[in-house]
Amino acid sequence: MVDVQDEGRDIKANAVVVMRPGAAPPSYEILYAPIKLSQMSAGMVTGMTSHGEVRLRLSGIYGAKRPVIQTDQPYLVLLGASGRNARIDTFKMPKTEQ
């Protein structure tokens, strides 16, 4: 059993999962990157993952700063194992060494 409160703090969640992707395996942390997010309504974003659509409500409930979502920016989304928490971060391309 996953403790949702501890999990939210562990991953420094800055979003609450409103709709988990339908094909996402249950009880696993899943990292999606890069993913484009778009604003659905005030404080609510949606995006398409390899497992289907995800809907997230931006939140600072676990002490993390609420992200500002820009439509032209790719993001990294970490879904917690409980399926109730998520962390959204800006996706940065790794630097290649020459």
C-alpha atoms as a PDB file:
ATOM      1  CA  MET A   1       0.000   0.000   0.000  1.00  0.00           C
ATOM      2  CA  VAL A   2       1.352   3.401  -0.988  1.00  0.00           C
ATOM      3  CA  ASP A   3       0.947   6.240   1.519  1.00  0.00           C
ATOM      4  CA  VAL A   4      -0.291   9.065  -0.696  1.00  0.00           C
ATOM      5  CA  GLN A   5       0.763  11.813   1.727  1.00  0.00           C
ATOM      6  CA  ASP A   6       4.345  10.505   2.040  1.00  0.00           C
ATOM      7  CA  GLU A   7       4.576   9.835  -1.672  1.00  0.00           C
ATOM      8  CA  GLY A   8       3.550  13.416  -2.458  1.00  0.00           C
ATOM      9  CA  ARG A   9       6.313  14.728  -0.228  1.00  0.00           C
ATOM     10  CA  ASP A  10       8.874  12.206  -1.532  1.00  0.00           C
ATOM     11  CA  ILE A  11       8.457  13.215  -5.160  1.00  0.00           C
ATOM     12  CA  LYS A  12       7.830  16.882  -4.246  1.00  0.00           C
ATOM     13  CA  ALA A  13       4.495  16.726  -6.066  1.00  0.00           C
ATOM     14  CA  ASN A  14       3.293  19.946  -7.642  1.00  0.00           C
ATOM     15  CA  ALA A  15       0.173  18.460  -9.245  1.00  0.00           C
ATOM     16  CA  VAL A  16      -2.749  16.227  -8.349  1.00  0.00           C
ATOM     17  CA  VAL A  17      -3.763  13.594 -10.916  1.00  0.00           C
ATOM     18  CA  VAL A  18      -7.357  14.155 -12.026  1.00  0.00           C
ATOM     19  CA  MET A  19      -7.281  11.495 -14.764  1.00  0.00           C
ATOM     20  CA  ARG A  20      -4.519   8.874 -15.017  1.00  0.00           C
ATOM     21  CA  PRO A  21      -3.781   7.540 -18.525  1.00  0.00           C
ATOM     22  CA  GLY A  22      -6.083   4.583 -19.222  1.00  0.00           C
ATOM     23  CA  ALA A  23      -3.335   2.164 -20.326  1.00  0.00           C
ATOM     24  CA  ALA A  24      -0.848   3.148 -17.583  1.00  0.00           C
ATOM     25  CA  PRO A  25       0.145   0.188 -15.391  1.00  0.00           C
ATOM     26  CA  PRO A  26      -1.239   0.553 -11.848  1.00  0.00           C
ATOM     27  CA  SER A  27       0.980   0.896  -8.756  1.00  0.00           C
ATOM     28  CA  TYR A  28       4.113   2.028 -10.605  1.00  0.00           C
ATOM     29  CA  GLU A  29       5.886   5.361 -10.760  1.00  0.00           C
ATOM     30  CA  ILE A  30       5.929   6.376 -14.409  1.00  0.00           C
ATOM     31  CA  LEU A  31       8.100   9.038 -16.035  1.00  0.00           C
ATOM     32  CA  TYR A  32       6.847  10.671 -19.226  1.00  0.00           C
ATOM     33  CA  ALA A  33       9.199  12.943 -21.181  1.00  0.00           C
ATOM     34  CA  PRO A  34       9.053  14.982 -23.284  1.00  0.00           C
ATOM     35  CA  ILE A  35       5.342  15.741 -23.056  1.00  0.00           C
ATOM     36  CA  LYS A  36       3.462  18.847 -24.221  1.00  0.00           C
ATOM     37  CA  LEU A  37       0.884  20.163 -21.762  1.00  0.00           C
ATOM     38  CA  SER A  38      -1.987  22.501 -22.546  1.00  0.00           C
ATOM     39  CA  GLN A  39      -4.226  24.522 -20.266  1.00  0.00           C
ATOM     40  CA  MET A  40      -7.777  23.130 -19.901  1.00  0.00           C
ATOM     41  CA  SER A  41      -8.999  25.663 -17.353  1.00  0.00           C
ATOM     42  CA  ALA A  42      -7.544  27.711 -14.516  1.00  0.00           C
ATOM     43  CA  GLY A  43      -5.050  25.445 -12.747  1.00  0.00           C
ATOM     44  CA  MET A  44      -5.844  22.361 -14.849  1.00  0.00           C
ATOM     45  CA  VAL A  45      -3.648  20.959 -17.656  1.00  0.00           C
ATOM     46  CA  THR A  46      -3.860  18.020 -20.024  1.00  0.00           C
ATOM     47  CA  GLY A  47      -1.322  16.135 -22.135  1.00  0.00           C
ATOM     48  CA  MET A  48      -0.948  13.017 -24.267  1.00  0.00           C
ATOM     49  CA  THR A  49       1.379  10.263 -23.062  1.00  0.00           C
ATOM     50  CA  SER A  50       2.311   6.917 -24.580  1.00  0.00           C
ATOM     51  CA  HIS A  51      -0.411   5.415 -22.339  1.00  0.00           C
ATOM     52  CA  GLY A  52      -3.134   7.943 -23.214  1.00  0.00           C
ATOM     53  CA  GLU A  53      -4.387  11.288 -21.959  1.00  0.00           C
ATOM     54  CA  VAL A  54      -3.416  12.598 -18.522  1.00  0.00           C
ATOM     55  CA  ARG A  55      -5.158  15.442 -16.686  1.00  0.00           C
ATOM     56  CA  LEU A  56      -3.457  17.252 -13.837  1.00  0.00           C
ATOM     57  CA  ARG A  57      -4.487  19.973 -11.384  1.00  0.00           C
ATOM     58  CA  LEU A  58      -1.580  22.243 -10.450  1.00  0.00           C
ATOM     59  CA  SER A  59      -1.078  22.338  -6.695  1.00  0.00           C
ATOM     60  CA  GLY A  60       1.336  23.450  -4.003  1.00  0.00           C
ATOM     61  CA  ILE A  61      -0.147  21.070  -1.415  1.00  0.00           C
ATOM     62  CA  TYR A  62       3.168  19.303  -0.716  1.00  0.00           C
ATOM     63  CA  GLY A  63       5.217  22.494  -0.507  1.00  0.00           C
ATOM     64  CA  ALA A  64       6.397  22.489  -4.116  1.00  0.00           C
ATOM     65  CA  LYS A  65       6.017  25.639  -6.203  1.00  0.00           C
ATOM     66  CA  ARG A  66       3.142  25.506  -8.700  1.00  0.00           C
ATOM     67  CA  PRO A  67       4.587  25.387 -12.226  1.00  0.00           C
ATOM     68  CA  VAL A  68       3.655  27.932 -14.889  1.00  0.00           C
ATOM     69  CA  ILE A  69       2.736  25.929 -17.981  1.00  0.00           C
ATOM     70  CA  GLN A  70       3.711  27.256 -21.425  1.00  0.00           C
ATOM     71  CA  THR A  71       2.245  25.547 -24.489  1.00  0.00           C
ATOM     72  CA  ASP A  72       5.471  25.627 -26.540  1.00  0.00           C
ATOM     73  CA  GLN A  73       7.589  24.088 -23.753  1.00  0.00           C
ATOM     74  CA  PRO A  74       8.142  20.301 -23.348  1.00  0.00           C
ATOM     75  CA  TYR A  75       7.753  18.916 -19.824  1.00  0.00           C
ATOM     76  CA  LEU A  76       8.795  15.938 -17.756  1.00  0.00           C
ATOM     77  CA  VAL A  77       5.904  14.401 -15.775  1.00  0.00           C
ATOM     78  CA  LEU A  78       6.485  11.891 -12.970  1.00  0.00           C
ATOM     79  CA  LEU A  79       3.302  10.077 -11.929  1.00  0.00           C
ATOM     80  CA  GLY A  80       3.428   8.690  -8.404  1.00  0.00           C
ATOM     81  CA  ALA A  81       2.739   4.999  -7.793  1.00  0.00           C
ATOM     82  CA  SER A  82      -0.577   5.773  -6.090  1.00  0.00           C
ATOM     83  CA  GLY A  83      -1.801   7.502  -9.235  1.00  0.00           C
ATOM     84  CA  ARG A  84      -2.880  10.533  -7.202  1.00  0.00           C
ATOM     85  CA  ASN A  85       0.251  12.722  -7.250  1.00  0.00           C
ATOM     86  CA  ALA A  86       2.536  13.998  -9.978  1.00  0.00           C
ATOM     87  CA  ARG A  87       5.568  16.201 -10.402  1.00  0.00           C
ATOM     88  CA  ILE A  88       5.906  18.469 -13.432  1.00  0.00           C
ATOM     89  CA  ASP A  89       9.325  19.817 -14.416  1.00  0.00           C
ATOM     90  CA  THR A  90      10.647  21.601 -17.482  1.00  0.00           C
ATOM     91  CA  PHE A  91      12.243  19.137 -19.906  1.00  0.00           C
ATOM     92  CA  LYS A  92      15.776  20.102 -20.892  1.00  0.00           C
ATOM     93  CA  MET A  93      17.610  18.347 -23.687  1.00  0.00           C
ATOM     94  CA  PRO A  94      20.838  16.729 -22.505  1.00  0.00           C
ATOM     95  CA  LYS A  95      23.993  18.449 -23.717  1.00  0.00           C
ATOM     96  CA  THR A  96      26.056  16.446 -26.159  1.00  0.00           C
ATOM     97  CA  GLU A  97      29.814  16.470 -25.810  1.00  0.00           C
ATOM     98  CA  GLN A  98      31.839  17.174 -28.917  1.00  0.00           C
END
